[in-house]
Structures are given as structure tokens and as C-alpha cells.
Amino acid sequence: MTTKIERIERVRLDREGRLRSNGRVVHARVDRSRLNSRAAFAPDKDAPVLTAREIASFRRVKPLKAVDPSVVRKRLRMSQTAFAHVFGVSVRTVQEWEQRRRRPTGAARALLQVVDREPEAVRRAIGL
């Protein structure tokens, strides 16, 4: 048996208050063997139970725009070596970003976004 994984495009509540995703009613998967345990009914402050209305109110987060690392580096007036040293990546990584062989992802992409928007704040924070 194979499971088809679908991308959730739209989540909403129907008139009866049921949660719908991509036009279909969403049914919760429940492990019934765990329902009789004490932990099943204990309150969890870190993970509150969400109502269908709260889940339906979630909005997508816009992805970060692509930032050109060479533009950011030149704005800071740094060499590739200095840039790599200050931001904790290898010189080779900086070169591959600038030659478009690789793209910054995760924390590196977020940091480049901050440097692009607020270079002076980054200079003060890093001590440049």
C-alpha cells in the first residue's frame, strides 16, 4: 500500500465546522492505544491544542528573497577571505555562492538578508 502525499494549498472550515484541506474533510489520525494513558489527558503548555478555526487561520510565510552574496560582500568592502572568516564559512563556499554553483540556504541565507538590509547594524554587531 502506498501513501499519496499531497501539498496543502488551502485550509478552511466548512459550514458544519469541519476542517477542509484542498476541498476534502481532514480526519485526525489517532493511535487509540495511547488514549487510555494519563499523558493523553495531561495539559501541555508548550503545545496547546488548536481548534479547527485556529488552524484554518494560519497563513503562509513568504520565503526570503534571493540575495546576491557578491553584492553584499562588496557593500561591506570585504575580500572573499575576510567575508568568509567573519561569517564563519569557508572561502570556497563564498566563491561557489558568487559563481552561482551553490546557493546560500538556511541560516546563511537569513544572515545575508540581514546584511543586505541593515549593513551598518551588522558592522556594529560584529565589530567591523
Protein backbone atom coordinates (compact mmCIF):
# COMPACT_ATOMS: atom_id res chain seq x y z
CA MET A 1 0.00 0.00 0.00
CA THR A 2 1.41 3.36 -0.98
CA THR A 3 0.51 6.64 0.62
CA LYS A 4 -0.09 9.64 -1.59
CA ILE A 5 1.36 12.81 -0.13
CA GLU A 6 -0.36 16.00 -1.21
CA ARG A 7 0.69 19.57 -0.77
CA ILE A 8 -1.75 21.57 1.29
CA GLU A 9 -2.82 24.52 -0.81
CA ARG A 10 -5.86 25.80 1.06
CA VAL A 11 -7.24 25.12 4.53
CA ARG A 12 -10.64 26.35 5.67
CA LEU A 13 -13.67 25.50 7.79
CA ASP A 14 -16.86 24.39 6.08
CA ARG A 15 -20.36 25.39 7.24
CA GLU A 16 -20.56 22.46 9.66
CA GLY A 17 -17.27 23.49 11.32
CA ARG A 18 -15.21 20.66 9.80
CA LEU A 19 -11.65 21.37 8.74
CA ARG A 20 -11.12 21.05 4.99
CA SER A 21 -7.86 20.93 3.07
CA ASN A 22 -7.83 21.15 -0.72
CA GLY A 23 -11.60 20.71 -0.62
CA ARG A 24 -11.53 17.46 1.40
CA VAL A 25 -12.52 16.92 5.03
CA VAL A 26 -9.46 16.37 7.22
CA HIS A 27 -9.77 13.42 9.60
CA ALA A 28 -7.42 13.19 12.57
CA ARG A 29 -5.28 10.09 12.79
CA VAL A 30 -5.46 8.74 16.31
CA ASP A 31 -3.44 5.99 17.96
CA ARG A 32 -6.24 4.54 20.07
CA SER A 33 -3.84 2.51 22.23
CA ARG A 34 -2.48 5.74 23.73
CA LEU A 35 -5.84 7.32 24.54
CA ASN A 36 -6.16 5.50 27.87
CA SER A 37 -2.84 6.77 29.24
CA ARG A 38 -2.53 9.63 31.73
CA ALA A 39 -0.25 11.52 29.34
CA ALA A 40 -3.01 11.71 26.75
CA PHE A 41 -5.05 13.96 29.01
CA ALA A 42 -2.26 15.94 30.66
CA PRO A 43 -2.11 19.61 29.64
CA ASP A 44 0.91 20.59 27.58
CA LYS A 45 1.85 24.27 27.90
CA ASP A 46 4.38 24.07 25.06
CA ALA A 47 1.95 22.54 22.57
CA PRO A 48 -1.58 23.79 23.20
CA VAL A 49 -4.45 22.05 21.47
CA LEU A 50 -5.57 24.12 18.50
CA THR A 51 -9.14 24.38 17.35
CA ALA A 52 -10.06 23.85 13.72
CA ARG A 53 -10.75 27.59 13.47
CA GLU A 54 -7.25 28.42 14.71
CA ILE A 55 -5.64 26.00 12.28
CA ALA A 56 -7.67 27.42 9.42
CA SER A 57 -6.43 30.92 10.30
CA PHE A 58 -2.77 30.02 9.66
CA ARG A 59 -1.12 31.93 6.83
CA ARG A 60 1.82 31.01 4.65
CA VAL A 61 5.18 32.55 5.40
CA LYS A 62 6.75 34.27 2.45
CA PRO A 63 10.15 32.81 1.59
CA LEU A 64 13.20 35.05 1.79
CA LYS A 65 14.13 36.70 -1.47
CA ALA A 66 17.35 35.62 -3.12
CA VAL A 67 20.31 37.78 -2.12
CA ASP A 68 23.43 38.05 -4.26
CA PRO A 69 26.36 37.32 -1.90
CA SER A 70 28.85 39.23 -4.07
CA VAL A 71 26.76 42.41 -3.80
CA VAL A 72 26.53 42.01 -0.04
CA ARG A 73 30.27 41.36 0.28
CA LYS A 74 31.15 44.36 -1.90
CA ARG A 75 28.78 46.60 0.07
CA LEU A 76 30.75 45.69 3.19
CA ARG A 77 34.01 46.32 1.28
CA MET A 78 35.44 42.96 2.24
CA SER A 79 37.54 40.41 0.39
CA GLN A 80 36.19 36.90 -0.05
CA THR A 81 38.63 35.67 2.58
CA ALA A 82 37.63 38.30 5.15
CA PHE A 83 33.92 37.78 4.43
CA ALA A 84 34.30 34.02 4.89
CA HIS A 85 36.22 34.45 8.13
CA VAL A 86 33.79 36.96 9.66
CA PHE A 87 30.65 34.95 8.81
CA GLY A 88 32.08 31.52 9.63
CA VAL A 89 32.03 29.87 6.21
CA SER A 90 34.85 28.63 4.03
CA VAL A 91 36.37 30.76 1.28
CA ARG A 92 35.38 28.02 -1.16
CA THR A 93 31.73 28.37 -0.10
CA VAL A 94 31.82 32.12 -0.73
CA GLN A 95 33.38 31.51 -4.15
CA GLU A 96 30.74 28.96 -5.07
CA TRP A 97 27.95 31.30 -3.99
CA GLU A 98 29.36 34.10 -6.11
CA GLN A 99 29.94 31.85 -9.13
CA ARG A 100 26.38 30.54 -8.76
CA ARG A 101 27.44 26.91 -8.36
CA ARG A 102 25.72 26.82 -4.97
CA ARG A 103 23.10 28.95 -3.26
CA PRO A 104 23.09 30.00 0.39
CA THR A 105 20.41 28.21 2.38
CA GLY A 106 19.02 28.28 5.90
CA ALA A 107 20.80 30.49 8.40
CA ALA A 108 23.34 31.71 5.83
CA ARG A 109 20.55 32.98 3.59
CA ALA A 110 18.85 34.71 6.51
CA LEU A 111 22.12 36.31 7.61
CA LEU A 112 22.80 37.57 4.08
CA GLN A 113 19.29 39.04 4.05
CA VAL A 114 20.01 40.94 7.29
CA VAL A 115 23.39 42.13 6.00
CA ASP A 116 21.71 43.28 2.77
CA ARG A 117 19.02 45.26 4.59
CA GLU A 118 20.99 46.62 7.55
CA PRO A 119 24.74 46.54 6.78
CA GLU A 120 25.57 49.20 9.38
CA ALA A 121 23.82 47.30 12.18
CA VAL A 122 25.75 44.18 11.23
CA ARG A 123 29.03 46.12 11.21
CA ARG A 124 28.31 47.40 14.74
CA ALA A 125 27.23 43.96 15.98
CA ILE A 126 30.28 42.17 14.57
CA GLY A 127 32.67 44.99 15.39
CA LEU A 128 33.85 45.91 11.89
